[in-house]
Amino acid sequence: MLPSSDELDLAVEVFRMLSDGTRLSLLWCLIDHEMSVGELAETVRKSPASVSQHLAKLRLARLVQTRRDGNTIYYRLDSEHVRQLVLDGVHHAEHQGTTVPAHHADAVISLPDANGAKA
């Protein structure tokens, strides 16, 4: 059964938000911890104003949440679903290259050669 048209429209909006390199970089930065606008701006090498605009869009799309501590606003991913979506997108892209993706570096195992012996 297909998702409803409303669900498809929302999914399209999520993918639209992910189609911008800066926004995807910001989400990647938030994979494991929350960060402030200033920290994010420094990490992605963009102006705080530009980062704030991108974060506002991500917040409207319900991909990030905020927490205020005094004058500082911290951003975090909205859910584990967002985290998994970002991870899967980046990992899929890594698999398009000719080298072992970074996320597999720890999991490289010895495979049997043509004679069945492990290298």
C-alpha atoms as a PDB file:
ATOM      1  CA  MET A   1       0.000   0.000   0.000  1.00  0.00           C
ATOM      2  CA  LEU A   2       1.339   3.411  -0.930  1.00  0.00           C
ATOM      3  CA  PRO A   3       1.840   6.129   1.672  1.00  0.00           C
ATOM      4  CA  SER A   4      -0.842   8.810   1.697  1.00  0.00           C
ATOM      5  CA  SER A   5      -0.340  11.920  -0.430  1.00  0.00           C
ATOM      6  CA  ASP A   6       0.263  13.930   2.756  1.00  0.00           C
ATOM      7  CA  GLU A   7       2.974  11.487   3.865  1.00  0.00           C
ATOM      8  CA  LEU A   8       4.593  11.610   0.428  1.00  0.00           C
ATOM      9  CA  ASP A   9       4.516  15.418   0.461  1.00  0.00           C
ATOM     10  CA  LEU A  10       6.217  15.453   3.862  1.00  0.00           C
ATOM     11  CA  ALA A  11       8.850  12.956   2.687  1.00  0.00           C
ATOM     12  CA  VAL A  12       9.541  15.094  -0.376  1.00  0.00           C
ATOM     13  CA  GLU A  13      10.060  18.102   1.909  1.00  0.00           C
ATOM     14  CA  VAL A  14      12.518  16.105   4.042  1.00  0.00           C
ATOM     15  CA  PHE A  15      14.506  15.137   0.947  1.00  0.00           C
ATOM     16  CA  ARG A  16      14.398  18.745  -0.254  1.00  0.00           C
ATOM     17  CA  MET A  17      15.988  19.810   3.035  1.00  0.00           C
ATOM     18  CA  LEU A  18      18.669  17.135   2.635  1.00  0.00           C
ATOM     19  CA  SER A  19      19.453  18.205  -0.932  1.00  0.00           C
ATOM     20  CA  ASP A  20      21.544  21.171   0.247  1.00  0.00           C
ATOM     21  CA  GLY A  21      25.177  20.479   1.137  1.00  0.00           C
ATOM     22  CA  THR A  22      25.280  22.990   3.970  1.00  0.00           C
ATOM     23  CA  ARG A  23      22.144  21.624   5.591  1.00  0.00           C
ATOM     24  CA  LEU A  24      23.383  18.040   5.251  1.00  0.00           C
ATOM     25  CA  SER A  25      26.720  19.095   6.786  1.00  0.00           C
ATOM     26  CA  LEU A  26      24.892  20.690   9.708  1.00  0.00           C
ATOM     27  CA  LEU A  27      22.847  17.559  10.288  1.00  0.00           C
ATOM     28  CA  TRP A  28      26.019  15.465  10.105  1.00  0.00           C
ATOM     29  CA  CYS A  29      27.601  17.631  12.803  1.00  0.00           C
ATOM     30  CA  LEU A  30      24.619  16.894  15.030  1.00  0.00           C
ATOM     31  CA  ILE A  31      24.758  13.094  14.607  1.00  0.00           C
ATOM     32  CA  ASP A  32      26.157  12.427  18.072  1.00  0.00           C
ATOM     33  CA  HIS A  33      25.738  15.642  20.062  1.00  0.00           C
ATOM     34  CA  GLU A  34      24.117  19.045  20.181  1.00  0.00           C
ATOM     35  CA  MET A  35      25.927  22.191  19.104  1.00  0.00           C
ATOM     36  CA  SER A  36      25.369  25.947  19.163  1.00  0.00           C
ATOM     37  CA  VAL A  37      25.068  28.104  16.051  1.00  0.00           C
ATOM     38  CA  GLY A  38      28.578  29.454  16.634  1.00  0.00           C
ATOM     39  CA  GLU A  39      30.064  25.974  16.959  1.00  0.00           C
ATOM     40  CA  LEU A  40      28.248  24.816  13.846  1.00  0.00           C
ATOM     41  CA  ALA A  41      29.285  27.901  11.862  1.00  0.00           C
ATOM     42  CA  GLU A  42      32.925  27.346  12.772  1.00  0.00           C
ATOM     43  CA  THR A  43      32.764  23.646  11.924  1.00  0.00           C
ATOM     44  CA  VAL A  44      31.127  24.068   8.504  1.00  0.00           C
ATOM     45  CA  ARG A  45      33.036  27.303   7.789  1.00  0.00           C
ATOM     46  CA  LYS A  46      29.943  29.397   7.091  1.00  0.00           C
ATOM     47  CA  SER A  47      28.758  32.619   8.653  1.00  0.00           C
ATOM     48  CA  PRO A  48      26.558  32.344  11.755  1.00  0.00           C
ATOM     49  CA  ALA A  49      23.807  34.202   9.865  1.00  0.00           C
ATOM     50  CA  SER A  50      23.859  31.654   7.039  1.00  0.00           C
ATOM     51  CA  VAL A  51      23.910  28.741   9.479  1.00  0.00           C
ATOM     52  CA  SER A  52      20.982  30.252  11.393  1.00  0.00           C
ATOM     53  CA  GLN A  53      18.932  30.488   8.197  1.00  0.00           C
ATOM     54  CA  HIS A  54      19.619  26.852   7.345  1.00  0.00           C
ATOM     55  CA  LEU A  55      18.826  25.742  10.894  1.00  0.00           C
ATOM     56  CA  ALA A  56      15.535  27.628  10.797  1.00  0.00           C
ATOM     57  CA  LYS A  57      14.533  25.666   7.689  1.00  0.00           C
ATOM     58  CA  LEU A  58      15.612  22.395   9.276  1.00  0.00           C
ATOM     59  CA  ARG A  59      13.625  23.248  12.376  1.00  0.00           C
ATOM     60  CA  LEU A  60      10.489  24.031  10.349  1.00  0.00           C
ATOM     61  CA  ALA A  61      10.909  20.684   8.604  1.00  0.00           C
ATOM     62  CA  ARG A  62      11.130  19.057  12.061  1.00  0.00           C
ATOM     63  CA  LEU A  63      14.622  17.690  11.440  1.00  0.00           C
ATOM     64  CA  VAL A  64      16.229  19.528  14.388  1.00  0.00           C
ATOM     65  CA  GLN A  65      15.148  20.681  17.845  1.00  0.00           C
ATOM     66  CA  THR A  66      16.490  23.445  20.041  1.00  0.00           C
ATOM     67  CA  ARG A  67      17.413  23.940  23.679  1.00  0.00           C
ATOM     68  CA  ARG A  68      18.152  27.319  25.238  1.00  0.00           C
ATOM     69  CA  ASP A  69      20.836  27.778  27.884  1.00  0.00           C
ATOM     70  CA  GLY A  70      20.971  31.473  28.815  1.00  0.00           C
ATOM     71  CA  ASN A  71      21.628  33.367  25.588  1.00  0.00           C
ATOM     72  CA  THR A  72      22.855  30.298  23.710  1.00  0.00           C
ATOM     73  CA  ILE A  73      20.603  28.070  21.632  1.00  0.00           C
ATOM     74  CA  TYR A  74      21.762  24.513  21.090  1.00  0.00           C
ATOM     75  CA  TYR A  75      20.584  22.364  18.197  1.00  0.00           C
ATOM     76  CA  ARG A  76      20.166  18.588  18.093  1.00  0.00           C
ATOM     77  CA  LEU A  77      18.596  16.119  15.696  1.00  0.00           C
ATOM     78  CA  ASP A  78      14.868  15.734  16.134  1.00  0.00           C
ATOM     79  CA  SER A  79      14.850  11.943  16.288  1.00  0.00           C
ATOM     80  CA  GLU A  80      16.721   8.721  15.722  1.00  0.00           C
ATOM     81  CA  HIS A  81      14.938   8.548  12.344  1.00  0.00           C
ATOM     82  CA  VAL A  82      16.660  11.753  11.224  1.00  0.00           C
ATOM     83  CA  ARG A  83      19.991  10.413  12.457  1.00  0.00           C
ATOM     84  CA  GLN A  84      19.543   7.167  10.536  1.00  0.00           C
ATOM     85  CA  LEU A  85      18.444   9.003   7.382  1.00  0.00           C
ATOM     86  CA  VAL A  86      21.573  11.175   7.425  1.00  0.00           C
ATOM     87  CA  LEU A  87      23.845   8.213   8.163  1.00  0.00           C
ATOM     88  CA  ASP A  88      22.280   6.101   5.428  1.00  0.00           C
ATOM     89  CA  GLY A  89      22.528   8.906   2.869  1.00  0.00           C
ATOM     90  CA  VAL A  90      26.194   9.588   3.567  1.00  0.00           C
ATOM     91  CA  HIS A  91      27.088   5.898   3.808  1.00  0.00           C
ATOM     92  CA  HIS A  92      25.331   5.206   0.517  1.00  0.00           C
ATOM     93  CA  ALA A  93      27.365   7.990  -1.117  1.00  0.00           C
ATOM     94  CA  GLU A  94      30.574   6.525   0.329  1.00  0.00           C
ATOM     95  CA  HIS A  95      29.762   3.214  -1.368  1.00  0.00           C
ATOM     96  CA  GLN A  96      29.770   4.880  -4.782  1.00  0.00           C
ATOM     97  CA  GLY A  97      33.567   5.268  -4.665  1.00  0.00           C
ATOM     98  CA  THR A  98      36.262   2.701  -5.407  1.00  0.00           C
ATOM     99  CA  THR A  99      37.745   2.481  -1.894  1.00  0.00           C
ATOM    100  CA  VAL A 100      36.479   0.873   1.291  1.00  0.00           C
ATOM    101  CA  PRO A 101      34.114   3.402   2.900  1.00  0.00           C
ATOM    102  CA  ALA A 102      35.301   4.970   6.141  1.00  0.00           C
ATOM    103  CA  HIS A 103      32.368   3.492   8.053  1.00  0.00           C
ATOM    104  CA  HIS A 104      33.671   0.009   7.147  1.00  0.00           C
ATOM    105  CA  ALA A 105      37.285   0.630   8.148  1.00  0.00           C
ATOM    106  CA  ASP A 106      36.819  -1.044  11.541  1.00  0.00           C
ATOM    107  CA  ALA A 107      34.916  -3.958  10.046  1.00  0.00           C
ATOM    108  CA  VAL A 108      37.392  -5.036   7.374  1.00  0.00           C
ATOM    109  CA  ILE A 109      37.781  -8.771   7.684  1.00  0.00           C
ATOM    110  CA  SER A 110      39.906 -11.328   5.905  1.00  0.00           C
ATOM    111  CA  LEU A 111      37.956 -13.116   3.235  1.00  0.00           C
ATOM    112  CA  PRO A 112      38.910 -16.555   1.948  1.00  0.00           C
ATOM    113  CA  ASP A 113      40.991 -16.608  -1.228  1.00  0.00           C
ATOM    114  CA  ALA A 114      40.173 -18.819  -4.217  1.00  0.00           C
ATOM    115  CA  ASN A 115      41.572 -21.870  -2.328  1.00  0.00           C
ATOM    116  CA  GLY A 116      39.459 -21.165   0.768  1.00  0.00           C
ATOM    117  CA  ALA A 117      42.371 -19.947   2.889  1.00  0.00           C
ATOM    118  CA  LYS A 118      42.046 -16.684   4.778  1.00  0.00           C
ATOM    119  CA  ALA A 119      44.563 -13.983   3.960  1.00  0.00           C
END
